[in-house]
Amino acid sequence: MMMLTTVEMAQRLEEADVLHLTRQVEACSQLFPGQDISALSVGGGVAGFTLPSFGRKLNHIVGFGVGGTVSSEELVAIEKSYSNKGIDTEIDLCPHADASTLPVLSTHGYTVNGFINNYVRILTDNDLVGAGSLEASRIKISRVNSERLGEFPDISLAGYSDGGRPELLLKTLARIAASRADTRIYFATIDGKIAGSAGLALIETSKGGVAHLYIDSTLPEYRGRGVQVALLRARLSDARRAGFGIASSGARPANVSSRNIERAGFCLAYTKVTFAKKCE
């Protein structure tokens, strides 16, 4: 299902994405002191620069052009910064970006190499009721306390390890999430054994709060048993309890995550197009 996304809603979601990436990069810099890691403003959005080995996951641009016109000079400067690190420039472009954006990207030789679905869900008090039903099932969801946060990187890694991404990246993403003040971590258990994990970032933007659901993973032996849907519903309940009215999540089109997100009542707000340019 797709919803009618207003410009204001798109700006709210994009600002949340900008803050999310910025906080990821800032946390990454704390994990790797002395490395050239930074988040730079560009075109009303932000460009993340971390370790080249982390690829586009922590080295890309979001929010580009959403706040207004963009300039070639600004883009060229960012491209040079990426090229100096041996990293391709990748921009996840919102379809509500300013009309100046596409001509600038076309002039500079960008090509499309992927898509990301941005999902949104309006939260209501009905979401508070939904969480209680989880207690009757074999899947138990718990918010992780500070004493157990150290377990999260290995659990998250176990859920992602068959996806082909580098182990250092996967562990770093989990360590980043666990260290963020705005993020809550959750474990799913079945018969007392860890089955999956996930995060919830409660992000305040200038246009209102956005509860961003991310870093979801299920251990291979527990897939297909409703673990991710249970984690989604529990986080939606907590987000509503925290006073948030909007939840967001992102996923590649037509994958398992997209299907689980849609089952949890999310609507497609818009699809971002990833524009890329090889480093020189």
Protein backbone atom coordinates (compact mmCIF):
# COMPACT_ATOMS: atom_id res chain seq x y z
CA MET A 1 0.00 0.00 0.00
CA MET A 2 1.20 3.52 -0.81
CA MET A 3 0.15 6.70 0.96
CA LEU A 4 -0.12 10.24 -0.37
CA THR A 5 3.07 11.81 0.94
CA THR A 6 3.02 15.57 1.33
CA VAL A 7 6.13 17.69 0.88
CA GLU A 8 6.09 18.41 4.61
CA MET A 9 5.99 14.69 5.45
CA ALA A 10 8.85 14.01 3.03
CA GLN A 11 10.91 16.80 4.59
CA ARG A 12 10.23 15.39 8.05
CA LEU A 13 11.31 11.89 7.02
CA GLU A 14 14.38 13.17 5.19
CA GLU A 15 15.44 15.31 8.14
CA ALA A 16 15.17 12.20 10.31
CA ASP A 17 17.37 10.32 7.82
CA VAL A 18 19.92 13.14 7.91
CA LEU A 19 20.02 13.05 11.71
CA HIS A 20 20.18 9.25 11.69
CA LEU A 21 23.18 9.11 9.36
CA THR A 22 24.88 11.99 11.18
CA ARG A 23 24.56 10.19 14.51
CA GLN A 24 25.80 6.95 13.00
CA VAL A 25 28.91 8.69 11.69
CA GLU A 26 29.51 10.55 14.95
CA ALA A 27 29.28 7.29 16.91
CA CYS A 28 31.58 5.60 14.40
CA SER A 29 34.21 8.29 14.97
CA GLN A 30 34.18 7.42 18.67
CA LEU A 31 34.78 3.76 17.88
CA PHE A 32 37.71 4.49 15.55
CA PRO A 33 39.60 7.45 17.07
CA GLY A 34 42.26 8.94 14.85
CA GLN A 35 40.53 7.87 11.62
CA ASP A 36 39.24 10.37 9.05
CA ILE A 37 35.54 10.04 9.90
CA SER A 38 33.08 12.92 9.55
CA ALA A 39 29.61 14.05 8.48
CA LEU A 40 29.59 17.06 6.14
CA SER A 41 26.64 19.21 5.09
CA VAL A 42 25.85 19.20 1.37
CA GLY A 43 22.81 20.39 -0.57
CA GLY A 44 20.66 20.62 2.54
CA GLY A 45 21.54 17.05 3.49
CA VAL A 46 24.57 15.26 4.85
CA ALA A 47 27.45 13.21 3.45
CA GLY A 48 28.86 10.46 5.64
CA PHE A 49 32.58 9.67 5.49
CA THR A 50 33.85 6.64 7.41
CA LEU A 51 36.22 3.77 6.65
CA PRO A 52 36.37 2.94 2.91
CA SER A 53 35.97 -0.76 3.75
CA PHE A 54 32.46 -0.01 5.06
CA GLY A 55 31.28 0.76 1.52
CA ARG A 56 28.12 2.74 0.85
CA LYS A 57 26.41 1.70 4.11
CA LEU A 58 28.26 4.39 6.08
CA ASN A 59 29.61 6.37 3.11
CA HIS A 60 26.77 8.03 1.23
CA ILE A 61 24.59 11.16 1.04
CA VAL A 62 21.00 11.62 2.25
CA GLY A 63 18.66 14.62 2.20
CA PHE A 64 20.32 16.09 -0.90
CA GLY A 65 18.18 18.84 -2.45
CA VAL A 66 15.23 18.43 -0.09
CA GLY A 67 15.86 21.76 1.61
CA GLY A 68 16.19 23.81 -1.60
CA THR A 69 18.38 24.35 -4.65
CA VAL A 70 21.72 22.58 -5.02
CA SER A 71 24.90 23.78 -6.70
CA SER A 72 27.47 22.08 -8.90
CA GLU A 73 30.29 23.59 -6.85
CA GLU A 74 29.02 22.01 -3.65
CA LEU A 75 28.66 18.61 -5.29
CA VAL A 76 32.11 18.72 -6.89
CA ALA A 77 33.71 19.46 -3.52
CA ILE A 78 32.00 16.45 -1.93
CA GLU A 79 32.93 14.21 -4.88
CA LYS A 80 36.56 15.19 -4.41
CA SER A 81 36.40 14.32 -0.72
CA TYR A 82 35.03 10.86 -1.53
CA SER A 83 37.57 10.32 -4.32
CA ASN A 84 40.42 11.21 -1.97
CA LYS A 85 39.31 8.27 0.19
CA GLY A 86 38.85 5.96 -2.80
CA ILE A 87 35.07 5.89 -2.33
CA ASP A 88 32.37 6.26 -4.99
CA THR A 89 29.88 9.10 -4.45
CA GLU A 90 26.38 7.73 -3.80
CA ILE A 91 23.27 9.83 -3.20
CA ASP A 92 19.98 8.39 -1.96
CA LEU A 93 17.67 10.91 -3.60
CA CYS A 94 14.16 11.63 -2.35
CA PRO A 95 11.62 12.23 -5.18
CA HIS A 96 10.59 15.43 -3.37
CA ALA A 97 14.05 16.96 -3.87
CA ASP A 98 14.26 20.40 -5.48
CA ALA A 99 13.90 20.58 -9.27
CA SER A 100 17.52 21.77 -9.57
CA THR A 101 18.83 18.41 -8.33
CA LEU A 102 18.36 16.13 -11.34
CA PRO A 103 19.98 18.49 -13.89
CA VAL A 104 23.02 18.86 -11.62
CA LEU A 105 23.36 15.10 -11.24
CA SER A 106 22.91 14.55 -14.97
CA THR A 107 25.53 17.17 -15.83
CA HIS A 108 28.03 15.45 -13.54
CA GLY A 109 27.57 11.99 -15.00
CA TYR A 110 25.61 10.22 -12.28
CA THR A 111 23.84 6.94 -13.04
CA VAL A 112 21.17 5.02 -11.14
CA ASN A 113 22.37 1.88 -9.35
CA GLY A 114 19.59 1.06 -6.89
CA PHE A 115 16.38 1.89 -5.04
CA ILE A 116 15.34 2.10 -1.38
CA ASN A 117 11.73 2.06 -0.21
CA ASN A 118 10.96 4.57 2.54
CA TYR A 119 8.03 3.36 4.63
CA VAL A 120 5.93 5.32 7.10
CA ARG A 121 3.24 4.41 9.60
CA ILE A 122 0.88 6.65 11.54
CA LEU A 123 0.89 5.55 15.19
CA THR A 124 -2.28 5.47 17.29
CA ASP A 125 -3.23 4.23 20.74
CA ASN A 126 -4.30 0.97 19.07
CA ASP A 127 -0.60 0.18 18.78
CA LEU A 128 -0.40 0.07 22.58
CA VAL A 129 -2.96 -2.75 22.62
CA GLY A 130 -1.17 -4.73 19.92
CA ALA A 131 1.99 -5.26 21.98
CA GLY A 132 0.16 -7.10 24.73
CA SER A 133 -0.83 -9.96 22.43
CA LEU A 134 2.85 -10.88 22.06
CA GLU A 135 2.86 -12.19 25.62
CA ALA A 136 0.51 -14.99 24.64
CA SER A 137 2.82 -16.27 21.90
CA ARG A 138 6.10 -18.16 22.12
CA ILE A 139 7.94 -15.06 20.90
CA LYS A 140 8.93 -12.77 23.75
CA ILE A 141 10.23 -9.26 23.08
CA SER A 142 12.26 -7.38 25.67
CA ARG A 143 14.01 -4.05 25.69
CA VAL A 144 17.69 -4.57 26.43
CA ASN A 145 19.07 -2.97 29.57
CA SER A 146 22.55 -1.48 29.86
CA GLU A 147 23.96 -4.65 31.44
CA ARG A 148 23.17 -6.69 28.32
CA LEU A 149 23.93 -4.15 25.58
CA GLY A 150 27.37 -5.70 25.15
CA GLU A 151 25.71 -8.86 23.81
CA PHE A 152 24.01 -7.04 20.96
CA PRO A 153 26.88 -6.85 18.41
CA ASP A 154 27.38 -10.64 18.37
CA ILE A 155 23.63 -11.32 18.25
CA SER A 156 23.10 -8.83 15.43
CA LEU A 157 26.07 -10.30 13.56
CA ALA A 158 24.61 -13.80 13.86
CA GLY A 159 21.42 -12.59 12.21
CA TYR A 160 23.22 -10.88 9.32
CA SER A 161 26.24 -13.15 8.86
CA ASP A 162 24.89 -15.01 5.82
CA GLY A 163 24.20 -11.77 3.91
CA GLY A 164 27.71 -11.28 2.53
CA ARG A 165 28.62 -8.05 4.31
CA PRO A 166 31.99 -7.73 6.09
CA GLU A 167 31.94 -8.80 9.74
CA LEU A 168 33.64 -5.58 10.86
CA LEU A 169 30.90 -3.48 9.24
CA LEU A 170 28.11 -5.54 10.79
CA LYS A 171 29.62 -5.38 14.26
CA THR A 172 30.32 -1.67 13.89
CA LEU A 173 26.72 -0.94 12.91
CA ALA A 174 25.52 -2.81 16.00
CA ARG A 175 28.04 -1.09 18.28
CA ILE A 176 26.95 2.27 16.85
CA ALA A 177 23.27 1.53 17.54
CA ALA A 178 24.03 0.33 21.08
CA SER A 179 26.00 3.49 21.86
CA ARG A 180 23.43 6.03 20.63
CA ALA A 181 21.47 7.93 23.27
CA ASP A 182 18.40 8.05 21.00
CA THR A 183 18.30 4.31 20.30
CA ARG A 184 16.68 1.44 22.19
CA ILE A 185 17.76 -2.14 21.52
CA TYR A 186 15.41 -5.15 21.62
CA PHE A 187 15.89 -8.92 21.80
CA ALA A 188 13.38 -11.53 20.65
CA THR A 189 13.45 -14.92 22.34
CA ILE A 190 11.68 -18.21 21.65
CA ASP A 191 11.60 -20.72 24.48
CA GLY A 192 14.19 -18.64 26.29
CA LYS A 193 16.69 -18.60 23.41
CA ILE A 194 17.70 -15.50 21.43
CA ALA A 195 15.96 -15.51 18.05
CA GLY A 196 16.49 -11.97 16.78
CA SER A 197 17.26 -8.36 17.60
CA ALA A 198 16.43 -4.84 16.45
CA GLY A 199 16.77 -1.12 17.20
CA LEU A 200 14.45 1.86 17.60
CA ALA A 201 15.75 5.43 17.21
CA LEU A 202 13.51 8.14 18.63
CA ILE A 203 14.47 11.15 16.52
CA GLU A 204 13.16 14.68 17.03
CA THR A 205 13.11 16.80 13.87
CA SER A 206 12.13 20.43 13.36
CA LYS A 207 8.80 19.17 11.96
CA GLY A 208 8.05 16.61 14.67
CA GLY A 209 9.27 13.29 15.98
CA VAL A 210 10.05 10.22 13.87
CA ALA A 211 10.46 6.77 15.40
CA HIS A 212 12.92 5.04 13.09
CA LEU A 213 12.98 1.23 13.13
CA TYR A 214 16.27 -0.26 11.97
CA ILE A 215 19.04 -2.89 12.33
CA ASP A 216 16.52 -5.77 12.42
CA SER A 217 17.93 -9.29 12.12
CA THR A 218 16.78 -12.85 12.81
CA LEU A 219 19.06 -15.81 13.48
CA PRO A 220 18.86 -18.20 10.49
CA GLU A 221 17.33 -21.08 12.47
CA TYR A 222 14.39 -18.89 13.57
CA ARG A 223 13.44 -17.33 10.24
CA GLY A 224 9.90 -17.70 8.98
CA ARG A 225 8.43 -17.81 12.49
CA GLY A 226 7.23 -14.22 12.84
CA VAL A 227 10.19 -12.88 14.80
CA GLN A 228 10.61 -9.69 12.79
CA VAL A 229 6.91 -8.85 12.80
CA ALA A 230 6.90 -9.30 16.58
CA LEU A 231 9.92 -7.00 16.92
CA LEU A 232 8.25 -4.43 14.69
CA ARG A 233 5.01 -4.43 16.69
CA ALA A 234 6.79 -4.16 20.04
CA ARG A 235 8.80 -1.17 18.86
CA LEU A 236 5.72 0.53 17.43
CA SER A 237 4.05 0.15 20.81
CA ASP A 238 7.05 1.63 22.62
CA ALA A 239 7.27 4.49 20.13
CA ARG A 240 3.62 5.36 20.69
CA ARG A 241 4.09 5.10 24.45
CA ALA A 242 6.98 7.57 24.11
CA GLY A 243 4.61 10.07 22.47
CA PHE A 244 5.59 9.58 18.82
CA GLY A 245 2.97 9.77 16.07
CA ILE A 246 5.08 8.72 13.07
CA ALA A 247 7.24 5.63 12.52
CA SER A 248 9.60 5.03 9.59
CA SER A 249 11.68 2.23 8.19
CA GLY A 250 13.63 1.58 5.00
CA ALA A 251 14.29 -1.51 2.90
CA ARG A 252 15.24 -2.60 -0.59
CA PRO A 253 12.21 -3.33 -2.79
CA ALA A 254 10.83 -6.88 -2.90
CA ASN A 255 12.98 -8.33 -0.11
CA VAL A 256 11.89 -10.07 3.09
CA SER A 257 12.30 -6.91 5.18
CA SER A 258 9.91 -5.00 2.89
CA ARG A 259 7.27 -7.71 3.24
CA ASN A 260 7.59 -7.77 7.04
CA ILE A 261 7.37 -3.97 7.22
CA GLU A 262 4.20 -3.99 5.12
CA ARG A 263 2.68 -6.76 7.26
CA ALA A 264 3.18 -4.50 10.29
CA GLY A 265 0.94 -1.87 8.69
CA PHE A 266 3.50 0.45 7.10
CA CYS A 267 2.72 2.25 3.85
CA LEU A 268 5.19 3.15 1.14
CA ALA A 269 5.85 6.88 1.47
CA TYR A 270 8.20 7.04 -1.53
CA THR A 271 11.08 5.23 -3.18
CA LYS A 272 14.52 6.80 -3.11
CA VAL A 273 16.72 6.47 -6.17
CA THR A 274 20.42 5.88 -5.56
CA PHE A 275 22.55 7.97 -7.92
CA ALA A 276 26.21 6.96 -8.11
CA LYS A 277 29.44 8.22 -9.63
CA LYS A 278 32.70 6.28 -9.67
CA CYS A 279 35.62 7.88 -7.89
CA GLU A 280 38.41 9.17 -10.12
